[in-house]
Amino acid sequence: MGKCLNCRITVTDNTEVCPLCRCVLEKDGVAKMQYPNIVKKIRKLQLASRIYLLLAIVIEALLVYINLQYDPEFKWSFIPGYLFAIGYITLYYLVYGTRLSYTMDLIIGIIALFTLLDILDTFLGHIGWAWNYVQPGLLIAANIFILINMLVRRRGWQTYLTPQLILFIVSLAAIPLILTDTVTQPLVSMIAVILSIVLFLSYVILGGSRSKEELYRKFHF
């Protein structure tokens, strides 16, 4: 049994590395002696997060006032407000350790980023660049990033199956968007869909029993 100081979880089996971040686990009773300043460091981060929240509220209130005074028709002040909110949520997760899992962090991050892109596209006239190019482009980049990490870290490649599965599911959302003409330039979206499907199926088929064990461990199917 050991504890991961990075993910703040306890691992009950005999492994020596964290299954989430691959950091070396600390044995019970050893972590406090080796890291006596960890509590002090966390308190400093908590204070920094509170200061960030206060400054974000003050700055956003000032931006809203300027927006309403000089350009009330175009609500541009909501864009930095959304960025402030995303920044605080990210900081809150890192400092207070309230993350449900690595998988949930990835899902929340994707949803937040895609929502931000939609908001920016809407405020800039709803041209359609977010759905047509940027979002599927990010999915393609994420697929390539995972592939490179799997090749570099071949011994722990199966840990990337979960984010690859999430990318596979997210990319499938492009199909109804194309059919309903929400995506008007489907080329990049179709590349993202095909790449996600091919890579995920390749990992599952070529990985054999290790892929099945990893998926069963994560989702119990």
Protein backbone atom coordinates (compact mmCIF):
# COMPACT_ATOMS: atom_id res chain seq x y z
CA MET A 1 0.00 0.00 0.00
CA GLY A 2 1.26 3.44 -0.88
CA LYS A 3 0.19 7.05 -1.39
CA CYS A 4 0.61 9.27 -4.44
CA LEU A 5 1.43 12.82 -3.37
CA ASN A 6 0.65 14.12 -6.86
CA CYS A 7 -2.86 12.64 -7.24
CA ARG A 8 -3.53 12.42 -3.48
CA ILE A 9 -4.83 8.88 -3.65
CA THR A 10 -4.06 5.67 -1.77
CA VAL A 11 -3.17 2.59 -3.80
CA THR A 12 -3.93 -0.67 -2.00
CA ASP A 13 -2.05 -3.16 -4.20
CA ASN A 14 1.70 -3.86 -4.24
CA THR A 15 2.60 -1.60 -7.17
CA GLU A 16 5.33 0.99 -6.67
CA VAL A 17 4.02 3.59 -9.14
CA CYS A 18 0.73 5.50 -9.34
CA PRO A 19 -1.62 4.04 -11.99
CA LEU A 20 -2.79 7.57 -12.91
CA CYS A 21 0.34 9.70 -13.17
CA ARG A 22 3.08 7.00 -12.99
CA CYS A 23 4.86 8.77 -10.10
CA VAL A 24 6.61 6.69 -7.44
CA LEU A 25 4.33 5.95 -4.49
CA GLU A 26 5.24 6.82 -0.93
CA LYS A 27 4.85 4.09 1.64
CA ASP A 28 2.62 4.70 4.66
CA GLY A 29 4.36 6.58 7.40
CA VAL A 30 7.24 7.77 5.19
CA ALA A 31 5.69 10.67 3.30
CA LYS A 32 5.45 13.04 6.28
CA MET A 33 9.13 12.54 7.18
CA GLN A 34 10.33 13.07 3.63
CA TYR A 35 8.11 16.07 2.83
CA PRO A 36 7.77 18.15 6.01
CA ASN A 37 6.82 21.36 4.13
CA ILE A 38 3.96 19.95 2.04
CA VAL A 39 1.24 21.40 4.30
CA LYS A 40 2.84 24.82 4.27
CA LYS A 41 3.10 24.72 0.49
CA ILE A 42 -0.59 23.80 0.14
CA ARG A 43 -1.60 26.67 2.41
CA LYS A 44 0.36 29.11 0.25
CA LEU A 45 -1.40 27.79 -2.84
CA GLN A 46 -4.77 28.13 -1.11
CA LEU A 47 -3.99 31.77 -0.27
CA ALA A 48 -2.90 32.36 -3.86
CA SER A 49 -6.19 30.91 -5.15
CA ARG A 50 -8.19 33.24 -2.87
CA ILE A 51 -6.17 36.26 -4.03
CA TYR A 52 -6.75 35.20 -7.64
CA LEU A 53 -10.50 34.93 -7.04
CA LEU A 54 -10.65 38.39 -5.44
CA LEU A 55 -8.67 40.02 -8.25
CA ALA A 56 -10.73 38.21 -10.89
CA ILE A 57 -14.00 39.48 -9.38
CA VAL A 58 -12.72 43.06 -9.14
CA ILE A 59 -11.29 43.09 -12.67
CA GLU A 60 -14.38 41.47 -14.18
CA ALA A 61 -16.67 43.96 -12.41
CA LEU A 62 -14.57 46.81 -13.84
CA LEU A 63 -14.72 45.29 -17.34
CA VAL A 64 -18.49 44.85 -17.13
CA TYR A 65 -18.87 48.51 -16.08
CA ILE A 66 -16.68 49.69 -18.98
CA ASN A 67 -18.56 47.41 -21.37
CA LEU A 68 -21.98 48.75 -20.33
CA GLN A 69 -20.81 52.34 -20.38
CA TYR A 70 -19.11 52.46 -23.77
CA ASP A 71 -20.28 49.46 -25.81
CA PRO A 72 -23.51 48.00 -24.36
CA GLU A 73 -24.55 46.24 -27.57
CA PHE A 74 -21.49 43.97 -27.73
CA LYS A 75 -21.07 42.04 -24.44
CA TRP A 76 -17.32 41.46 -24.83
CA SER A 77 -16.76 41.55 -21.05
CA PHE A 78 -18.20 38.04 -20.69
CA ILE A 79 -15.23 36.58 -22.60
CA PRO A 80 -12.55 37.49 -19.99
CA GLY A 81 -15.09 36.58 -17.30
CA TYR A 82 -15.33 33.08 -18.68
CA LEU A 83 -11.53 32.85 -18.87
CA PHE A 84 -11.29 33.96 -15.22
CA ALA A 85 -13.81 31.25 -14.26
CA ILE A 86 -11.92 28.53 -16.14
CA GLY A 87 -8.67 29.64 -14.52
CA TYR A 88 -10.16 29.55 -11.02
CA ILE A 89 -11.78 26.14 -11.53
CA THR A 90 -8.45 24.75 -12.74
CA LEU A 91 -6.60 26.30 -9.80
CA TYR A 92 -9.23 25.02 -7.37
CA TYR A 93 -8.83 21.47 -8.66
CA LEU A 94 -5.05 21.64 -8.34
CA VAL A 95 -4.97 23.20 -4.88
CA TYR A 96 -7.82 21.53 -3.03
CA GLY A 97 -7.46 18.12 -4.59
CA THR A 98 -11.18 17.69 -5.28
CA ARG A 99 -10.59 15.89 -8.58
CA LEU A 100 -12.86 12.87 -9.04
CA SER A 101 -10.44 11.15 -11.40
CA TYR A 102 -8.04 11.77 -14.25
CA THR A 103 -10.83 10.83 -16.66
CA MET A 104 -13.24 13.40 -15.22
CA ASP A 105 -10.52 16.06 -15.36
CA LEU A 106 -10.04 15.39 -19.05
CA ILE A 107 -13.79 15.46 -19.76
CA ILE A 108 -14.26 18.72 -17.84
CA GLY A 109 -11.29 20.26 -19.65
CA ILE A 110 -12.62 19.32 -23.09
CA ILE A 111 -16.11 20.61 -22.30
CA ALA A 112 -14.74 23.89 -20.91
CA LEU A 113 -12.46 24.47 -23.89
CA PHE A 114 -15.13 23.66 -26.48
CA THR A 115 -17.63 25.87 -24.68
CA LEU A 116 -15.16 28.75 -24.67
CA LEU A 117 -14.59 28.35 -28.41
CA ASP A 118 -18.35 28.40 -29.04
CA ILE A 119 -18.73 31.56 -26.96
CA LEU A 120 -15.91 33.29 -28.85
CA ASP A 121 -17.40 32.21 -32.18
CA THR A 122 -20.84 33.51 -31.18
CA PHE A 123 -19.50 36.87 -30.00
CA LEU A 124 -17.50 37.29 -33.19
CA GLY A 125 -20.54 36.81 -35.41
CA HIS A 126 -21.06 33.02 -35.39
CA ILE A 127 -18.91 32.46 -38.46
CA GLY A 128 -18.54 28.77 -37.72
CA TRP A 129 -14.76 28.49 -37.40
CA ALA A 130 -15.04 26.81 -33.99
CA TRP A 131 -17.07 23.78 -35.17
CA ASN A 132 -15.57 23.62 -38.66
CA TYR A 133 -11.87 23.91 -37.94
CA VAL A 134 -10.63 24.60 -34.41
CA GLN A 135 -12.47 21.94 -32.38
CA PRO A 136 -11.81 19.04 -34.79
CA GLY A 137 -8.25 20.34 -35.20
CA LEU A 138 -7.78 20.09 -31.43
CA LEU A 139 -9.08 16.50 -31.50
CA ILE A 140 -6.57 15.62 -34.22
CA ALA A 141 -3.75 17.23 -32.23
CA ALA A 142 -4.82 15.37 -29.07
CA ASN A 143 -4.84 12.04 -30.94
CA ILE A 144 -1.33 12.68 -32.25
CA PHE A 145 -0.16 13.75 -28.78
CA ILE A 146 -1.45 10.52 -27.22
CA LEU A 147 0.11 8.44 -30.01
CA ILE A 148 3.52 10.07 -29.44
CA ASN A 149 3.28 9.50 -25.68
CA MET A 150 2.39 5.85 -26.22
CA LEU A 151 5.42 5.39 -28.46
CA VAL A 152 7.74 7.17 -26.02
CA ARG A 153 6.37 5.46 -22.89
CA ARG A 154 5.84 2.01 -24.31
CA ARG A 155 5.94 0.26 -20.94
CA GLY A 156 2.90 2.18 -19.70
CA TRP A 157 1.09 2.71 -22.99
CA GLN A 158 -2.15 1.16 -21.70
CA THR A 159 -2.69 4.09 -19.32
CA TYR A 160 -3.51 6.25 -22.37
CA LEU A 161 -6.45 4.06 -23.38
CA THR A 162 -8.91 6.04 -21.26
CA PRO A 163 -8.16 9.48 -22.79
CA GLN A 164 -8.12 7.84 -26.23
CA LEU A 165 -11.57 6.38 -25.55
CA ILE A 166 -12.82 9.83 -24.52
CA LEU A 167 -11.47 11.36 -27.74
CA PHE A 168 -13.15 8.57 -29.69
CA ILE A 169 -16.54 9.30 -28.07
CA VAL A 170 -16.18 13.09 -28.41
CA SER A 171 -15.25 12.81 -32.08
CA LEU A 172 -18.43 10.83 -32.80
CA ALA A 173 -20.43 13.93 -31.82
CA ALA A 174 -19.29 15.46 -35.12
CA ILE A 175 -21.47 13.03 -37.10
CA PRO A 176 -24.89 14.44 -36.05
CA LEU A 177 -23.44 17.96 -36.34
CA ILE A 178 -22.50 17.25 -39.95
CA LEU A 179 -25.89 15.69 -40.72
CA THR A 180 -27.71 18.73 -39.29
CA ASP A 181 -25.45 21.18 -41.18
CA THR A 182 -24.13 22.66 -37.95
CA VAL A 183 -20.70 21.80 -39.32
CA THR A 184 -20.69 23.35 -42.80
CA GLN A 185 -17.12 22.34 -43.73
CA PRO A 186 -16.94 18.67 -42.70
CA LEU A 187 -13.48 17.73 -44.00
CA VAL A 188 -11.49 18.40 -40.81
CA SER A 189 -14.24 16.88 -38.65
CA MET A 190 -14.28 13.67 -40.69
CA ILE A 191 -10.49 13.43 -40.43
CA ALA A 192 -10.80 13.75 -36.64
CA VAL A 193 -13.53 11.08 -36.51
CA ILE A 194 -11.64 8.60 -38.71
CA LEU A 195 -8.34 9.15 -36.88
CA SER A 196 -9.95 8.68 -33.45
CA ILE A 197 -11.73 5.48 -34.52
CA VAL A 198 -8.66 3.97 -36.21
CA LEU A 199 -6.31 4.73 -33.32
CA PHE A 200 -8.67 3.49 -30.60
CA LEU A 201 -9.47 0.25 -32.42
CA SER A 202 -5.76 -0.25 -33.16
CA TYR A 203 -4.86 0.10 -29.47
CA VAL A 204 -7.62 -2.31 -28.41
CA ILE A 205 -6.90 -4.95 -31.07
CA LEU A 206 -3.09 -4.80 -31.05
CA GLY A 207 -2.94 -4.42 -27.27
CA GLY A 208 -4.75 -7.70 -26.74
CA SER A 209 -5.28 -8.74 -23.13
CA ARG A 210 -3.52 -5.68 -21.70
CA SER A 211 -6.03 -3.39 -23.40
CA LYS A 212 -8.97 -5.44 -22.14
CA GLU A 213 -7.58 -5.51 -18.60
CA GLU A 214 -7.08 -1.74 -18.59
CA LEU A 215 -10.62 -1.06 -19.86
CA TYR A 216 -12.06 -3.53 -17.36
CA ARG A 217 -10.11 -1.91 -14.52
CA LYS A 218 -11.42 1.52 -15.48
CA PHE A 219 -15.00 0.73 -16.44
CA HIS A 220 -15.63 -2.87 -15.25
CA PHE A 221 -16.88 -4.26 -18.55
